Amino acid sequence: MIDEKLLAYLEEFISEKRMRRFNDILSHRTNYITVAVEDVYQMHNTSAVIRSCESFGIQQAHLIEGKYGQRLDEEIAMGAQKWVDIKRYKNSKEVVDVLRNKGYKIVATSPHADSSLLQDYELDGKMALFFGTENKGLSDYVLENSDAFLKIPMVGFTESLNISVSAAIILQHLTAKLKSSNFDWKLTPSEMMEKRLDWTKKSIKSIDNILIRYHADN
């Protein structure tokens, strides 16, 4: 349960304009589509994907960091990591199991011969988009355990795009399609309340001291 009294107390430390901004952005947020990034080597690529998630309203991102360790650069992400819920994993099986148990369809983004073209892909439920490492793409494990394949149509000599570019193109297309659908794609009221509290805390510089005072009085 969200401590609504605490939220009301903390919101006294931020402006009305910022509160309205939070509510407006949260009205566009979704957990209906989520993103998983598998063992990306270049730090700027993972960071750019997180920026795309934030820009297009994806609330959760899942980072598989078994090979190269943490691959998130806060300067490149430009603060997006504050507003997106980032989950970290050591291997692909773990994240596939977690997402599938939560009802997500596992969708591999890949130039696989049987992949659906982006413009033809039909939304039919919650989906987790998997993006792979540079050059090699997704691991055999993810490809073998995916429920569907998705690719961006291209007509040039180049067979693939940079992962951050691919993520931006796919997320823009699918989130626009989702918002024009009849799916219940928005965050639940409790999820919105949770993020309001989280974001409010992140917006207050002296939050630790303020929380100590609050709990001492309550």
C-alpha atoms as a PDB file:
ATOM      1  CA  MET A   1       0.000   0.000   0.000  1.00  0.00           C
ATOM      2  CA  ILE A   2       1.175   3.501  -0.867  1.00  0.00           C
ATOM      3  CA  ASP A   3       1.464   5.874   2.072  1.00  0.00           C
ATOM      4  CA  GLU A   4      -0.860   8.590   0.763  1.00  0.00           C
ATOM      5  CA  LYS A   5      -0.221  10.735   3.831  1.00  0.00           C
ATOM      6  CA  LEU A   6       3.518  10.665   3.078  1.00  0.00           C
ATOM      7  CA  LEU A   7       2.884  11.529  -0.563  1.00  0.00           C
ATOM      8  CA  ALA A   8       0.734  14.507   0.398  1.00  0.00           C
ATOM      9  CA  TYR A   9       3.425  15.646   2.845  1.00  0.00           C
ATOM     10  CA  LEU A  10       6.247  15.369   0.314  1.00  0.00           C
ATOM     11  CA  GLU A  11       4.286  17.119  -2.410  1.00  0.00           C
ATOM     12  CA  GLU A  12       4.389  20.228  -0.237  1.00  0.00           C
ATOM     13  CA  PHE A  13       8.097  20.418  -1.128  1.00  0.00           C
ATOM     14  CA  ILE A  14       7.588  20.545  -4.901  1.00  0.00           C
ATOM     15  CA  SER A  15       5.734  23.036  -7.080  1.00  0.00           C
ATOM     16  CA  GLU A  16       2.187  22.707  -8.377  1.00  0.00           C
ATOM     17  CA  LYS A  17       3.639  22.878 -11.882  1.00  0.00           C
ATOM     18  CA  ARG A  18       5.864  19.871 -11.209  1.00  0.00           C
ATOM     19  CA  MET A  19       2.967  17.876  -9.747  1.00  0.00           C
ATOM     20  CA  ARG A  20       0.877  18.603 -12.840  1.00  0.00           C
ATOM     21  CA  ARG A  21       3.797  17.567 -15.016  1.00  0.00           C
ATOM     22  CA  PHE A  22       4.092  14.254 -13.177  1.00  0.00           C
ATOM     23  CA  ASN A  23       0.386  13.542 -13.604  1.00  0.00           C
ATOM     24  CA  ASP A  24       0.466  14.436 -17.297  1.00  0.00           C
ATOM     25  CA  ILE A  25       3.451  12.198 -18.010  1.00  0.00           C
ATOM     26  CA  LEU A  26       2.009   9.344 -15.963  1.00  0.00           C
ATOM     27  CA  SER A  27      -1.175   9.471 -18.029  1.00  0.00           C
ATOM     28  CA  HIS A  28       0.954   8.372 -21.013  1.00  0.00           C
ATOM     29  CA  ARG A  29       3.004   5.717 -19.212  1.00  0.00           C
ATOM     30  CA  THR A  30       2.515   2.000 -19.829  1.00  0.00           C
ATOM     31  CA  ASN A  31       3.641  -1.391 -18.556  1.00  0.00           C
ATOM     32  CA  TYR A  32       1.733  -3.068 -21.385  1.00  0.00           C
ATOM     33  CA  ILE A  33       4.893  -2.956 -23.503  1.00  0.00           C
ATOM     34  CA  THR A  34       8.266  -3.467 -21.871  1.00  0.00           C
ATOM     35  CA  VAL A  35      11.823  -3.696 -23.179  1.00  0.00           C
ATOM     36  CA  ALA A  36      14.678  -6.116 -22.478  1.00  0.00           C
ATOM     37  CA  VAL A  37      18.253  -5.400 -23.600  1.00  0.00           C
ATOM     38  CA  GLU A  38      20.587  -8.397 -23.780  1.00  0.00           C
ATOM     39  CA  ASP A  39      24.326  -8.063 -23.097  1.00  0.00           C
ATOM     40  CA  VAL A  40      24.925  -4.900 -25.096  1.00  0.00           C
ATOM     41  CA  TYR A  41      28.644  -4.026 -25.144  1.00  0.00           C
ATOM     42  CA  GLN A  42      28.603  -0.332 -26.014  1.00  0.00           C
ATOM     43  CA  MET A  43      27.472   1.605 -22.956  1.00  0.00           C
ATOM     44  CA  HIS A  44      25.984   4.444 -25.006  1.00  0.00           C
ATOM     45  CA  ASN A  45      23.627   2.013 -26.773  1.00  0.00           C
ATOM     46  CA  THR A  46      21.969   0.757 -23.589  1.00  0.00           C
ATOM     47  CA  SER A  47      21.726   4.306 -22.291  1.00  0.00           C
ATOM     48  CA  ALA A  48      20.125   5.512 -25.514  1.00  0.00           C
ATOM     49  CA  VAL A  49      17.552   2.697 -25.356  1.00  0.00           C
ATOM     50  CA  ILE A  50      16.576   3.844 -21.851  1.00  0.00           C
ATOM     51  CA  ARG A  51      16.121   7.372 -23.226  1.00  0.00           C
ATOM     52  CA  SER A  52      13.819   5.998 -25.905  1.00  0.00           C
ATOM     53  CA  CYS A  53      11.827   4.061 -23.319  1.00  0.00           C
ATOM     54  CA  GLU A  54      11.333   7.227 -21.294  1.00  0.00           C
ATOM     55  CA  SER A  55      10.485   9.333 -24.345  1.00  0.00           C
ATOM     56  CA  PHE A  56       7.798   6.935 -25.590  1.00  0.00           C
ATOM     57  CA  GLY A  57       6.239   6.161 -22.206  1.00  0.00           C
ATOM     58  CA  ILE A  58       7.694   2.712 -21.445  1.00  0.00           C
ATOM     59  CA  GLN A  59       7.857   2.495 -17.673  1.00  0.00           C
ATOM     60  CA  GLN A  60       9.987  -0.635 -17.245  1.00  0.00           C
ATOM     61  CA  ALA A  61      13.234  -1.744 -18.868  1.00  0.00           C
ATOM     62  CA  HIS A  62      15.097  -4.983 -18.198  1.00  0.00           C
ATOM     63  CA  LEU A  63      18.871  -5.101 -18.582  1.00  0.00           C
ATOM     64  CA  ILE A  64      20.673  -8.428 -18.971  1.00  0.00           C
ATOM     65  CA  GLU A  65      24.261  -7.736 -17.907  1.00  0.00           C
ATOM     66  CA  GLY A  66      25.847 -11.144 -17.551  1.00  0.00           C
ATOM     67  CA  LYS A  67      28.740 -10.634 -19.989  1.00  0.00           C
ATOM     68  CA  TYR A  68      29.842  -7.016 -19.690  1.00  0.00           C
ATOM     69  CA  GLY A  69      28.487  -5.793 -16.374  1.00  0.00           C
ATOM     70  CA  GLN A  70      26.467  -2.619 -15.958  1.00  0.00           C
ATOM     71  CA  ARG A  71      26.071  -0.810 -19.265  1.00  0.00           C
ATOM     72  CA  LEU A  72      24.235   2.362 -18.306  1.00  0.00           C
ATOM     73  CA  ASP A  73      25.857   5.788 -18.685  1.00  0.00           C
ATOM     74  CA  GLU A  74      23.884   8.439 -16.811  1.00  0.00           C
ATOM     75  CA  GLU A  75      25.203  11.264 -19.003  1.00  0.00           C
ATOM     76  CA  ILE A  76      24.020   9.584 -22.195  1.00  0.00           C
ATOM     77  CA  ALA A  77      20.722   8.555 -20.609  1.00  0.00           C
ATOM     78  CA  MET A  78      20.337  12.242 -19.676  1.00  0.00           C
ATOM     79  CA  GLY A  79      18.330  11.539 -16.544  1.00  0.00           C
ATOM     80  CA  ALA A  80      15.960   9.042 -18.160  1.00  0.00           C
ATOM     81  CA  GLN A  81      17.118   6.390 -15.681  1.00  0.00           C
ATOM     82  CA  LYS A  82      15.404   8.406 -12.902  1.00  0.00           C
ATOM     83  CA  TRP A  83      11.986   8.046 -14.494  1.00  0.00           C
ATOM     84  CA  VAL A  84      12.145   4.508 -15.931  1.00  0.00           C
ATOM     85  CA  ASP A  85      12.094   1.455 -13.644  1.00  0.00           C
ATOM     86  CA  ILE A  86      15.270  -0.455 -14.478  1.00  0.00           C
ATOM     87  CA  LYS A  87      15.507  -4.144 -13.568  1.00  0.00           C
ATOM     88  CA  ARG A  88      18.864  -5.913 -13.787  1.00  0.00           C
ATOM     89  CA  TYR A  89      19.552  -9.604 -14.480  1.00  0.00           C
ATOM     90  CA  LYS A  90      22.566 -11.882 -14.806  1.00  0.00           C
ATOM     91  CA  ASN A  91      21.193 -14.068 -17.594  1.00  0.00           C
ATOM     92  CA  SER A  92      18.523 -14.211 -20.268  1.00  0.00           C
ATOM     93  CA  LYS A  93      16.651 -17.205 -18.868  1.00  0.00           C
ATOM     94  CA  GLU A  94      15.923 -15.292 -15.690  1.00  0.00           C
ATOM     95  CA  VAL A  95      14.321 -12.340 -17.442  1.00  0.00           C
ATOM     96  CA  VAL A  96      12.409 -14.513 -19.929  1.00  0.00           C
ATOM     97  CA  ASP A  97      10.948 -16.525 -17.039  1.00  0.00           C
ATOM     98  CA  VAL A  98      10.049 -13.405 -15.043  1.00  0.00           C
ATOM     99  CA  LEU A  99       8.322 -11.690 -17.951  1.00  0.00           C
ATOM    100  CA  ARG A 100       6.511 -14.772 -19.190  1.00  0.00           C
ATOM    101  CA  ASN A 101       5.189 -15.423 -15.666  1.00  0.00           C
ATOM    102  CA  LYS A 102       3.814 -11.878 -15.707  1.00  0.00           C
ATOM    103  CA  GLY A 103       1.885 -12.586 -18.888  1.00  0.00           C
ATOM    104  CA  TYR A 104       4.192 -10.992 -21.443  1.00  0.00           C
ATOM    105  CA  LYS A 105       4.657 -12.362 -24.938  1.00  0.00           C
ATOM    106  CA  ILE A 106       8.404 -12.632 -25.641  1.00  0.00           C
ATOM    107  CA  VAL A 107       9.091 -10.806 -28.913  1.00  0.00           C
ATOM    108  CA  ALA A 108      12.568 -10.972 -30.431  1.00  0.00           C
ATOM    109  CA  THR A 109      13.587  -8.073 -32.644  1.00  0.00           C
ATOM    110  CA  SER A 110      15.588  -9.781 -35.346  1.00  0.00           C
ATOM    111  CA  PRO A 111      16.020  -9.878 -39.152  1.00  0.00           C
ATOM    112  CA  HIS A 112      14.936 -13.521 -38.840  1.00  0.00           C
ATOM    113  CA  ALA A 113      13.367 -14.862 -42.045  1.00  0.00           C
ATOM    114  CA  ASP A 114      10.062 -15.541 -40.280  1.00  0.00           C
ATOM    115  CA  SER A 115       9.900 -12.156 -38.568  1.00  0.00           C
ATOM    116  CA  SER A 116       6.802 -10.022 -38.915  1.00  0.00           C
ATOM    117  CA  LEU A 117       7.385  -6.633 -40.488  1.00  0.00           C
ATOM    118  CA  LEU A 118       6.882  -3.811 -38.009  1.00  0.00           C
ATOM    119  CA  GLN A 119       3.997  -2.224 -39.897  1.00  0.00           C
ATOM    120  CA  ASP A 120       2.203  -5.587 -40.090  1.00  0.00           C
ATOM    121  CA  TYR A 121       2.609  -6.561 -36.447  1.00  0.00           C
ATOM    122  CA  GLU A 122      -0.708  -6.869 -34.618  1.00  0.00           C
ATOM    123  CA  LEU A 123      -0.874  -6.168 -30.916  1.00  0.00           C
ATOM    124  CA  ASP A 124      -2.599  -9.032 -29.154  1.00  0.00           C
ATOM    125  CA  GLY A 125      -1.562  -8.649 -25.522  1.00  0.00           C
ATOM    126  CA  LYS A 126       1.290  -7.583 -23.269  1.00  0.00           C
ATOM    127  CA  MET A 127       4.621  -7.785 -25.043  1.00  0.00           C
ATOM    128  CA  ALA A 128       8.281  -7.737 -24.028  1.00  0.00           C
ATOM    129  CA  LEU A 129      10.561  -6.527 -26.814  1.00  0.00           C
ATOM    130  CA  PHE A 130      14.042  -8.063 -26.725  1.00  0.00           C
ATOM    131  CA  PHE A 131      16.984  -6.253 -28.296  1.00  0.00           C
ATOM    132  CA  GLY A 132      20.361  -7.964 -28.736  1.00  0.00           C
ATOM    133  CA  THR A 133      24.017  -7.093 -28.648  1.00  0.00           C
ATOM    134  CA  GLU A 134      25.823  -5.293 -31.454  1.00  0.00           C
ATOM    135  CA  ASN A 135      26.734  -7.388 -34.528  1.00  0.00           C
ATOM    136  CA  LYS A 136      25.610 -10.786 -33.189  1.00  0.00           C
ATOM    137  CA  GLY A 137      22.107  -9.790 -32.116  1.00  0.00           C
ATOM    138  CA  LEU A 138      20.096 -11.854 -29.672  1.00  0.00           C
ATOM    139  CA  SER A 139      21.361 -15.056 -28.122  1.00  0.00           C
ATOM    140  CA  ASP A 140      20.209 -18.471 -29.262  1.00  0.00           C
ATOM    141  CA  TYR A 141      18.389 -18.859 -25.952  1.00  0.00           C
ATOM    142  CA  VAL A 142      16.187 -15.826 -26.530  1.00  0.00           C
ATOM    143  CA  LEU A 143      15.565 -16.719 -30.175  1.00  0.00           C
ATOM    144  CA  GLU A 144      14.618 -20.292 -29.256  1.00  0.00           C
ATOM    145  CA  ASN A 145      12.308 -19.150 -26.464  1.00  0.00           C
ATOM    146  CA  SER A 146      10.572 -16.267 -28.218  1.00  0.00           C
ATOM    147  CA  ASP A 147       6.882 -16.292 -29.015  1.00  0.00           C
ATOM    148  CA  ALA A 148       7.209 -13.980 -32.018  1.00  0.00           C
ATOM    149  CA  PHE A 149       9.779 -12.182 -34.169  1.00  0.00           C
ATOM    150  CA  LEU A 150       9.721  -8.589 -35.336  1.00  0.00           C
ATOM    151  CA  LYS A 151      11.849  -6.658 -37.807  1.00  0.00           C
ATOM    152  CA  ILE A 152      12.059  -3.201 -39.325  1.00  0.00           C
ATOM    153  CA  PRO A 153      11.714  -3.289 -43.118  1.00  0.00           C
ATOM    154  CA  MET A 154      14.786  -1.960 -44.916  1.00  0.00           C
ATOM    155  CA  VAL A 155      15.560  -1.535 -48.605  1.00  0.00           C
ATOM    156  CA  GLY A 156      19.275  -0.696 -48.554  1.00  0.00           C
ATOM    157  CA  PHE A 157      22.464  -2.768 -48.467  1.00  0.00           C
ATOM    158  CA  THR A 158      22.645  -2.551 -44.679  1.00  0.00           C
ATOM    159  CA  GLU A 159      21.027  -5.535 -42.995  1.00  0.00           C
ATOM    160  CA  SER A 160      20.606  -4.075 -39.522  1.00  0.00           C
ATOM    161  CA  LEU A 161      20.361  -0.814 -37.635  1.00  0.00           C
ATOM    162  CA  ASN A 162      22.078   0.287 -34.452  1.00  0.00           C
ATOM    163  CA  ILE A 163      20.192  -1.123 -31.462  1.00  0.00           C
ATOM    164  CA  SER A 164      19.300   2.318 -30.111  1.00  0.00           C
ATOM    165  CA  VAL A 165      17.918   3.389 -33.501  1.00  0.00           C
ATOM    166  CA  SER A 166      15.941   0.162 -33.826  1.00  0.00           C
ATOM    167  CA  ALA A 167      14.476   0.587 -30.348  1.00  0.00           C
ATOM    168  CA  ALA A 168      13.389   4.167 -31.057  1.00  0.00           C
ATOM    169  CA  ILE A 169      11.697   3.252 -34.354  1.00  0.00           C
ATOM    170  CA  ILE A 170       9.905   0.209 -32.943  1.00  0.00           C
ATOM    171  CA  LEU A 171       8.788   1.895 -29.725  1.00  0.00           C
ATOM    172  CA  GLN A 172       7.441   4.955 -31.508  1.00  0.00           C
ATOM    173  CA  HIS A 173       5.413   2.790 -33.881  1.00  0.00           C
ATOM    174  CA  LEU A 174       4.073   0.331 -31.317  1.00  0.00           C
ATOM    175  CA  THR A 175       3.232   2.862 -28.602  1.00  0.00           C
ATOM    176  CA  ALA A 176       1.306   4.970 -31.116  1.00  0.00           C
ATOM    177  CA  LYS A 177      -0.560   1.851 -32.224  1.00  0.00           C
ATOM    178  CA  LEU A 178      -1.201   0.837 -28.611  1.00  0.00           C
ATOM    179  CA  LYS A 179      -2.665   4.213 -27.668  1.00  0.00           C
ATOM    180  CA  SER A 180      -5.137   4.060 -30.549  1.00  0.00           C
ATOM    181  CA  SER A 181      -6.253   0.550 -29.532  1.00  0.00           C
ATOM    182  CA  ASN A 182      -8.902  -0.651 -27.092  1.00  0.00           C
ATOM    183  CA  PHE A 183      -6.360  -2.316 -24.805  1.00  0.00           C
ATOM    184  CA  ASP A 184      -6.245  -1.211 -21.172  1.00  0.00           C
ATOM    185  CA  TRP A 185      -2.663  -0.028 -21.549  1.00  0.00           C
ATOM    186  CA  LYS A 186      -2.367   2.695 -18.920  1.00  0.00           C
ATOM    187  CA  LEU A 187      -0.854   2.320 -15.473  1.00  0.00           C
ATOM    188  CA  THR A 188      -3.312   1.351 -12.767  1.00  0.00           C
ATOM    189  CA  PRO A 189      -4.225   4.008 -10.157  1.00  0.00           C
ATOM    190  CA  SER A 190      -2.003   2.282  -7.598  1.00  0.00           C
ATOM    191  CA  GLU A 191       0.906   2.142 -10.062  1.00  0.00           C
ATOM    192  CA  MET A 192       0.475   5.843 -10.777  1.00  0.00           C
ATOM    193  CA  MET A 193       0.427   6.616  -7.055  1.00  0.00           C
ATOM    194  CA  GLU A 194       3.580   4.571  -6.556  1.00  0.00           C
ATOM    195  CA  LYS A 195       5.397   6.473  -9.298  1.00  0.00           C
ATOM    196  CA  ARG A 196       4.175   9.829  -7.998  1.00  0.00           C
ATOM    197  CA  LEU A 197       5.739   9.012  -4.646  1.00  0.00           C
ATOM    198  CA  ASP A 198       8.942   7.730  -6.239  1.00  0.00           C
ATOM    199  CA  TRP A 199       9.322  10.741  -8.547  1.00  0.00           C
ATOM    200  CA  THR A 200       8.491  13.206  -5.791  1.00  0.00           C
ATOM    201  CA  LYS A 201      11.222  11.714  -3.600  1.00  0.00           C
ATOM    202  CA  LYS A 202      13.692  11.998  -6.485  1.00  0.00           C
ATOM    203  CA  SER A 203      12.791  15.660  -6.938  1.00  0.00           C
ATOM    204  CA  ILE A 204      13.633  16.736  -3.382  1.00  0.00           C
ATOM    205  CA  LYS A 205      17.325  17.377  -2.705  1.00  0.00           C
ATOM    206  CA  SER A 206      17.201  16.896   1.069  1.00  0.00           C
ATOM    207  CA  ILE A 207      14.835  13.922   0.909  1.00  0.00           C
ATOM    208  CA  ASP A 208      16.709  11.801   3.480  1.00  0.00           C
ATOM    209  CA  ASN A 209      16.481  14.445   6.180  1.00  0.00           C
ATOM    210  CA  ILE A 210      12.848  15.174   5.346  1.00  0.00           C
ATOM    211  CA  LEU A 211      11.938  11.479   5.594  1.00  0.00           C
ATOM    212  CA  ILE A 212      13.691  11.219   8.962  1.00  0.00           C
ATOM    213  CA  ARG A 213      11.656  14.161  10.283  1.00  0.00           C
ATOM    214  CA  TYR A 214       8.421  12.753   8.862  1.00  0.00           C
ATOM    215  CA  HIS A 215       8.859   9.314  10.424  1.00  0.00           C
ATOM    216  CA  ALA A 216       9.911  10.838  13.724  1.00  0.00           C
ATOM    217  CA  ASP A 217       6.630  12.780  13.843  1.00  0.00           C
ATOM    218  CA  ASN A 218       4.488   9.883  12.642  1.00  0.00           C
END
